[in-house]
Amino acid sequence: MSKNASVICIGELLIDFFCTDIDITLIEGKKFEKQAGGAPANVCAAIVKLGGSALFSGKVGDDPFGHFLKNTLDEIQVDTSMLLLDKDNPTTLAFVSLKKNGERDFVFNRGADAYLMEEELDKDKLKEAGILHFGSATALLKDPFQTTYLNTIIAASKEGKFISFDPNYRLDLWKGRESQFVYLVKQGIALADFVKVSDEELKIITGTDDLTKGVQDLHKLGAKIIAVTLGKEGTFLSNGINQEIISSIPVESIDSTGAGDAFVGAALFRFAKEDDPKEISEDFQLLKEIISFSNKVGGLVCTKIGAISAIPSIEEVLKS
């Protein structure tokens, strides 16, 4: 694998502790399963499992959980040369249990990922990457990582990098601070070549239920290519001139965890194959083909349990 990956994903890598007891709160739950989590890490995993090259940039604790996470990425050949082990702060942990009504009981113990500093980033590797993906759910919550994240997007934009941005809204993390979330993500959207949002996120960010108007608002901010994921309905794709709903493949969904990240990873895998990803926005036919492929990858993830473990190989995608 090349030392300098074509795609660098910046953000959180954390442990998800899923309560395996059925329909129970975290107060009562006793059995938990440990899994590697974090949207940017899932995106990296999708890229490499499809046969591409990706580097993860972030921070975990220098503790057993941090080493488990590093090993998880190393095993699937994600480049971890920009993964830092923090001796002062523990690895970020999330505890989740599901109740019968679909509601989540959620506790978030923020740790090392919050403390990634600008001066700790390998600037040479950032300069050499073709694509930078910013899809962190936690990056914008507080400093120092918030400033590191936003300044890195600005620097990448000035250098003419292809920037991918996913707001990755999590209600559990932003409750009562939604307006701050909107203010911050608009700064990323304004500089992005590719923006992936869910229909729910589009409504939160633009304040409108109208899909076409909401997408126009994001284009006005500066976004070039916009993909609005609509679940089984497919993906609304727009390059500012053309727009179309690209249908998804019918699947028997058993677990949608990580499907959105796999969708993004698949799109970036395809973008990275182009000589100049920035020119893709002008070729709507190629864009439709890329999003159709990405829909397929996201759909296949829903047919298995887990996020990283459910990502298909390129062979599985081509067979489906």
Protein backbone atom coordinates (compact mmCIF):
# COMPACT_ATOMS: atom_id res chain seq x y z
CA MET A 1 0.00 0.00 0.00
CA SER A 2 1.29 3.47 -0.79
CA LYS A 3 2.74 5.39 2.12
CA ASN A 4 0.64 8.46 1.33
CA ALA A 5 -2.95 7.38 0.99
CA SER A 6 -5.08 8.95 -1.71
CA VAL A 7 -7.86 9.66 0.83
CA ILE A 8 -7.32 10.98 4.38
CA CYS A 9 -10.25 10.84 6.81
CA ILE A 10 -9.99 13.08 9.88
CA GLY A 11 -12.06 12.60 13.03
CA GLU A 12 -12.95 10.25 15.84
CA LEU A 13 -12.09 6.62 16.44
CA LEU A 14 -13.86 5.27 19.50
CA ILE A 15 -15.29 2.23 21.25
CA ASP A 16 -19.01 1.53 20.98
CA PHE A 17 -20.22 -0.62 23.85
CA PHE A 18 -23.53 -2.10 22.69
CA CYS A 19 -25.77 -3.53 25.37
CA THR A 20 -26.75 -7.02 24.22
CA ASP A 21 -29.59 -7.28 26.76
CA ILE A 22 -32.87 -6.74 24.90
CA ASP A 23 -35.16 -3.74 25.57
CA ILE A 24 -33.31 -2.46 28.60
CA THR A 25 -31.84 0.82 29.85
CA LEU A 26 -28.16 1.32 30.59
CA ILE A 27 -29.04 1.32 34.31
CA GLU A 28 -30.24 -2.28 34.05
CA GLY A 29 -27.97 -3.55 31.25
CA LYS A 30 -25.27 -6.04 32.23
CA LYS A 31 -23.87 -7.48 29.00
CA PHE A 32 -21.99 -5.26 26.56
CA GLU A 33 -20.23 -5.96 23.28
CA LYS A 34 -17.16 -3.91 22.35
CA GLN A 35 -16.91 -2.67 18.76
CA ALA A 36 -14.70 -0.22 16.90
CA GLY A 37 -16.67 2.91 16.02
CA GLY A 38 -16.34 6.40 14.60
CA ALA A 39 -17.66 7.52 11.22
CA PRO A 40 -14.33 8.61 9.67
CA ALA A 41 -12.78 5.24 10.58
CA ASN A 42 -15.77 3.45 8.98
CA VAL A 43 -15.25 5.50 5.80
CA CYS A 44 -11.55 4.49 5.73
CA ALA A 45 -12.53 0.85 6.23
CA ALA A 46 -14.98 1.00 3.30
CA ILE A 47 -12.34 2.49 0.98
CA VAL A 48 -9.70 -0.15 1.76
CA LYS A 49 -12.16 -3.07 1.74
CA LEU A 50 -13.22 -2.01 -1.77
CA GLY A 51 -9.56 -2.05 -2.82
CA GLY A 52 -8.58 1.62 -2.36
CA SER A 53 -6.06 3.35 -0.13
CA ALA A 54 -7.03 5.40 2.93
CA LEU A 55 -5.35 6.99 5.92
CA PHE A 56 -7.04 7.72 9.25
CA SER A 57 -6.06 10.84 11.21
CA GLY A 58 -7.19 11.21 14.83
CA LYS A 59 -6.38 10.49 18.45
CA VAL A 60 -7.09 7.65 20.86
CA GLY A 61 -5.87 6.97 24.38
CA ASP A 62 -2.63 5.06 24.95
CA ASP A 63 -4.66 2.39 26.72
CA PRO A 64 -6.01 -1.10 25.89
CA PHE A 65 -9.00 0.38 24.02
CA GLY A 66 -6.78 2.66 21.92
CA HIS A 67 -4.51 -0.24 21.01
CA PHE A 68 -7.54 -2.40 20.13
CA LEU A 69 -8.76 0.34 17.76
CA LYS A 70 -5.33 0.75 16.14
CA ASN A 71 -5.08 -3.02 15.68
CA THR A 72 -8.58 -3.12 14.14
CA LEU A 73 -7.58 -0.57 11.47
CA ASP A 74 -4.13 -2.12 10.93
CA GLU A 75 -5.71 -5.55 10.33
CA ILE A 76 -7.77 -4.27 7.41
CA GLN A 77 -4.81 -2.20 6.12
CA VAL A 78 -6.03 1.30 6.86
CA ASP A 79 -2.91 3.51 7.14
CA THR A 80 -2.65 4.50 10.85
CA SER A 81 0.53 6.60 10.55
CA MET A 82 -1.52 9.70 11.57
CA LEU A 83 -3.27 7.97 14.48
CA LEU A 84 -1.90 9.40 17.75
CA LEU A 85 -1.87 7.58 21.10
CA ASP A 86 -2.56 10.11 23.88
CA LYS A 87 -0.87 9.40 27.22
CA ASP A 88 -2.96 12.02 29.07
CA ASN A 89 -6.53 11.25 27.96
CA PRO A 90 -8.41 7.94 27.70
CA THR A 91 -10.00 6.57 24.52
CA THR A 92 -13.49 7.96 23.82
CA LEU A 93 -16.26 5.49 24.79
CA ALA A 94 -19.94 5.37 23.83
CA PHE A 95 -22.46 3.14 25.63
CA VAL A 96 -25.69 2.32 23.79
CA SER A 97 -28.75 0.23 24.56
CA LEU A 98 -31.86 -0.12 22.42
CA LYS A 99 -35.36 -0.08 23.82
CA LYS A 100 -38.33 -1.77 22.10
CA ASN A 101 -39.76 1.54 20.87
CA GLY A 102 -36.54 2.15 18.92
CA GLU A 103 -35.31 4.83 21.36
CA ARG A 104 -31.66 4.69 22.36
CA ASP A 105 -30.27 4.99 25.85
CA PHE A 106 -26.94 6.69 25.22
CA VAL A 107 -23.97 7.73 27.37
CA PHE A 108 -20.93 9.35 25.80
CA ASN A 109 -17.58 9.50 27.61
CA ARG A 110 -15.50 11.90 25.51
CA GLY A 111 -11.80 11.28 25.67
CA ALA A 112 -8.68 11.61 23.55
CA ASP A 113 -10.35 12.42 20.20
CA ALA A 114 -11.27 15.89 21.56
CA TYR A 115 -7.60 16.84 22.01
CA LEU A 116 -6.19 16.63 18.49
CA MET A 117 -4.07 19.76 17.97
CA GLU A 118 -3.23 21.43 14.66
CA GLU A 119 0.50 21.15 15.25
CA GLU A 120 0.14 17.37 15.72
CA LEU A 121 -1.09 16.83 12.15
CA ASP A 122 1.41 15.60 9.56
CA LYS A 123 1.22 18.55 7.15
CA ASP A 124 3.30 16.77 4.47
CA LYS A 125 0.87 13.85 4.32
CA LEU A 126 -2.10 16.25 4.18
CA LYS A 127 -0.44 18.06 1.25
CA GLU A 128 0.17 14.81 -0.64
CA ALA A 129 -3.37 13.42 -0.25
CA GLY A 130 -5.70 13.79 -3.21
CA ILE A 131 -8.91 13.83 -1.16
CA LEU A 132 -9.61 14.95 2.42
CA HIS A 133 -12.77 13.71 4.10
CA PHE A 134 -14.30 15.52 7.08
CA GLY A 135 -17.13 13.39 8.43
CA SER A 136 -16.68 13.49 12.18
CA ALA A 137 -19.68 13.47 14.51
CA THR A 138 -17.60 14.77 17.42
CA ALA A 139 -15.05 17.15 15.87
CA LEU A 140 -17.15 20.30 16.16
CA LEU A 141 -18.29 19.77 19.76
CA LYS A 142 -15.49 21.73 21.45
CA ASP A 143 -11.91 22.97 21.24
CA PRO A 144 -9.14 22.14 20.65
CA PHE A 145 -10.39 19.69 18.01
CA GLN A 146 -13.08 22.06 16.71
CA THR A 147 -10.47 24.68 15.72
CA THR A 148 -8.08 22.02 14.37
CA TYR A 149 -10.87 20.59 12.21
CA LEU A 150 -12.15 23.88 10.78
CA ASN A 151 -8.64 25.25 10.13
CA THR A 152 -7.66 22.03 8.35
CA ILE A 153 -10.70 22.35 6.05
CA ILE A 154 -9.76 25.98 5.29
CA ALA A 155 -6.10 25.04 4.60
CA ALA A 156 -7.15 22.13 2.34
CA SER A 157 -9.47 24.43 0.40
CA LYS A 158 -6.66 26.99 -0.14
CA GLU A 159 -4.43 24.18 -1.45
CA GLY A 160 -7.11 23.17 -3.96
CA LYS A 161 -7.78 19.75 -2.41
CA PHE A 162 -10.95 17.80 -3.15
CA ILE A 163 -12.92 18.17 0.09
CA SER A 164 -15.62 15.75 1.18
CA PHE A 165 -17.90 16.79 4.05
CA ASP A 166 -20.52 14.89 6.03
CA PRO A 167 -22.14 16.83 8.92
CA ASN A 168 -22.86 13.56 10.73
CA TYR A 169 -25.51 14.99 13.04
CA ARG A 170 -26.09 13.05 16.27
CA LEU A 171 -29.07 14.20 18.32
CA ASP A 172 -27.55 12.71 21.48
CA LEU A 173 -24.48 14.96 21.13
CA TRP A 174 -26.14 18.24 20.06
CA LYS A 175 -29.36 18.31 22.10
CA GLY A 176 -30.14 21.95 22.94
CA ARG A 177 -27.25 23.21 20.76
CA GLU A 178 -28.73 22.62 17.30
CA SER A 179 -28.23 26.23 16.15
CA GLN A 180 -24.52 26.02 17.01
CA PHE A 181 -24.28 22.77 15.02
CA VAL A 182 -25.88 24.45 11.98
CA TYR A 183 -23.56 27.49 12.23
CA LEU A 184 -20.45 25.28 12.37
CA VAL A 185 -21.36 22.76 9.65
CA LYS A 186 -22.21 25.54 7.21
CA GLN A 187 -18.52 26.54 7.34
CA GLY A 188 -17.55 23.06 6.15
CA ILE A 189 -20.30 22.83 3.53
CA ALA A 190 -19.21 26.18 2.03
CA LEU A 191 -15.79 24.75 1.12
CA ALA A 192 -16.82 21.23 0.10
CA ASP A 193 -16.64 19.61 -3.32
CA PHE A 194 -18.81 16.72 -2.12
CA VAL A 195 -21.45 16.96 0.63
CA LYS A 196 -23.37 13.95 1.88
CA VAL A 197 -26.40 14.63 4.11
CA SER A 198 -29.43 12.62 5.16
CA ASP A 199 -32.86 14.13 4.49
CA GLU A 200 -33.15 14.79 8.25
CA GLU A 201 -29.82 16.67 8.28
CA LEU A 202 -30.82 18.70 5.23
CA LYS A 203 -33.96 19.85 7.06
CA ILE A 204 -32.00 20.75 10.24
CA ILE A 205 -29.34 22.70 8.30
CA THR A 206 -31.62 24.55 5.85
CA GLY A 207 -34.86 24.73 7.85
CA THR A 208 -36.94 23.49 4.92
CA ASP A 209 -38.79 20.24 4.13
CA ASP A 210 -38.47 20.95 0.40
CA LEU A 211 -35.68 18.70 -0.91
CA THR A 212 -34.95 20.77 -4.03
CA LYS A 213 -34.93 24.08 -2.13
CA GLY A 214 -32.77 22.66 0.66
CA VAL A 215 -30.21 21.39 -1.85
CA GLN A 216 -30.21 24.77 -3.64
CA ASP A 217 -29.45 26.43 -0.30
CA LEU A 218 -26.40 24.18 0.16
CA HIS A 219 -25.21 24.98 -3.36
CA LYS A 220 -25.59 28.70 -2.55
CA LEU A 221 -23.28 28.19 0.45
CA GLY A 222 -20.64 26.79 -1.93
CA ALA A 223 -21.12 22.99 -2.10
CA LYS A 224 -20.41 21.55 -5.57
CA ILE A 225 -21.81 17.97 -5.49
CA ILE A 226 -24.62 17.14 -3.05
CA ALA A 227 -25.93 13.68 -2.21
CA VAL A 228 -29.00 13.47 0.04
CA THR A 229 -29.51 9.90 1.25
CA LEU A 230 -33.18 8.89 1.41
CA GLY A 231 -32.90 5.32 2.77
CA LYS A 232 -34.61 2.74 0.58
CA GLU A 233 -35.83 5.52 -1.76
CA GLY A 234 -32.24 6.03 -2.96
CA THR A 235 -30.18 9.22 -3.12
CA PHE A 236 -31.06 12.69 -4.39
CA LEU A 237 -28.04 13.81 -6.42
CA SER A 238 -27.31 17.35 -7.58
CA ASN A 239 -24.35 19.14 -9.16
CA GLY A 240 -26.11 22.51 -9.19
CA ILE A 241 -27.21 22.11 -12.82
CA ASN A 242 -28.71 18.61 -12.98
CA GLN A 243 -30.53 16.73 -10.26
CA GLU A 244 -31.98 13.26 -10.05
CA ILE A 245 -33.00 10.59 -7.55
CA ILE A 246 -30.66 7.62 -8.01
CA SER A 247 -32.46 4.46 -6.93
CA SER A 248 -31.06 2.01 -4.41
CA ILE A 249 -30.98 -1.79 -4.60
CA PRO A 250 -33.75 -3.64 -2.72
CA VAL A 251 -32.30 -5.34 0.38
CA GLU A 252 -33.59 -7.16 3.46
CA SER A 253 -32.23 -4.70 6.06
CA ILE A 254 -31.21 -6.17 9.41
CA ASP A 255 -28.81 -3.46 10.67
CA SER A 256 -28.26 -0.05 9.07
CA THR A 257 -25.27 0.82 11.31
CA GLY A 258 -22.47 2.27 9.18
CA ALA A 259 -24.47 2.25 5.92
CA GLY A 260 -24.07 6.03 5.44
CA ASP A 261 -20.31 5.80 6.11
CA ALA A 262 -19.99 2.90 3.64
CA PHE A 263 -21.89 5.02 1.07
CA VAL A 264 -19.38 7.86 1.53
CA GLY A 265 -16.41 5.48 1.46
CA ALA A 266 -17.66 3.94 -1.79
CA ALA A 267 -18.09 7.38 -3.39
CA LEU A 268 -14.59 8.48 -2.29
CA PHE A 269 -13.12 5.18 -3.51
CA ARG A 270 -14.53 5.99 -6.96
CA PHE A 271 -13.61 9.71 -6.84
CA ALA A 272 -10.00 8.76 -5.99
CA LYS A 273 -9.76 6.71 -9.21
CA GLU A 274 -10.22 9.86 -11.32
CA ASP A 275 -7.21 11.88 -12.52
CA ASP A 276 -8.80 15.08 -11.22
CA PRO A 277 -11.71 14.48 -8.79
CA LYS A 278 -12.62 18.18 -8.96
CA GLU A 279 -13.76 17.76 -12.57
CA ILE A 280 -16.31 15.07 -11.65
CA SER A 281 -18.95 17.67 -10.73
CA GLU A 282 -19.22 18.59 -14.43
CA ASP A 283 -19.87 15.00 -15.58
CA PHE A 284 -23.38 14.18 -14.31
CA GLN A 285 -23.47 10.81 -16.07
CA LEU A 286 -20.32 9.67 -14.25
CA LEU A 287 -21.69 11.09 -10.98
CA LYS A 288 -24.88 9.06 -11.38
CA GLU A 289 -22.82 5.93 -11.94
CA ILE A 290 -20.70 6.63 -8.82
CA ILE A 291 -23.75 7.26 -6.63
CA SER A 292 -25.49 4.15 -7.96
CA PHE A 293 -22.39 2.13 -6.96
CA SER A 294 -22.34 3.84 -3.53
CA ASN A 295 -26.05 3.10 -2.99
CA LYS A 296 -25.29 -0.57 -3.65
CA VAL A 297 -22.43 -0.63 -1.10
CA GLY A 298 -24.58 1.14 1.53
CA GLY A 299 -27.45 -1.27 0.87
CA LEU A 300 -25.26 -4.36 1.23
CA VAL A 301 -23.99 -3.11 4.62
CA CYS A 302 -27.61 -3.18 5.86
CA THR A 303 -27.79 -6.93 5.22
CA LYS A 304 -25.19 -7.77 7.90
CA ILE A 305 -24.62 -6.85 11.55
CA GLY A 306 -21.83 -4.44 12.49
CA ALA A 307 -20.27 -1.43 10.77
CA ILE A 308 -16.74 -2.37 9.63
CA SER A 309 -17.41 -6.13 9.50
CA ALA A 310 -20.47 -5.62 7.24
CA ILE A 311 -18.61 -3.69 4.50
CA PRO A 312 -18.53 -5.76 1.29
CA SER A 313 -15.52 -6.42 -0.93
CA ILE A 314 -15.51 -5.09 -4.49
CA GLU A 315 -16.25 -8.64 -5.71
CA GLU A 316 -19.40 -8.82 -3.55
CA VAL A 317 -20.56 -5.44 -4.91
CA LEU A 318 -20.03 -6.44 -8.53
CA LYS A 319 -21.90 -9.72 -7.98
CA SER A 320 -24.97 -8.04 -6.46
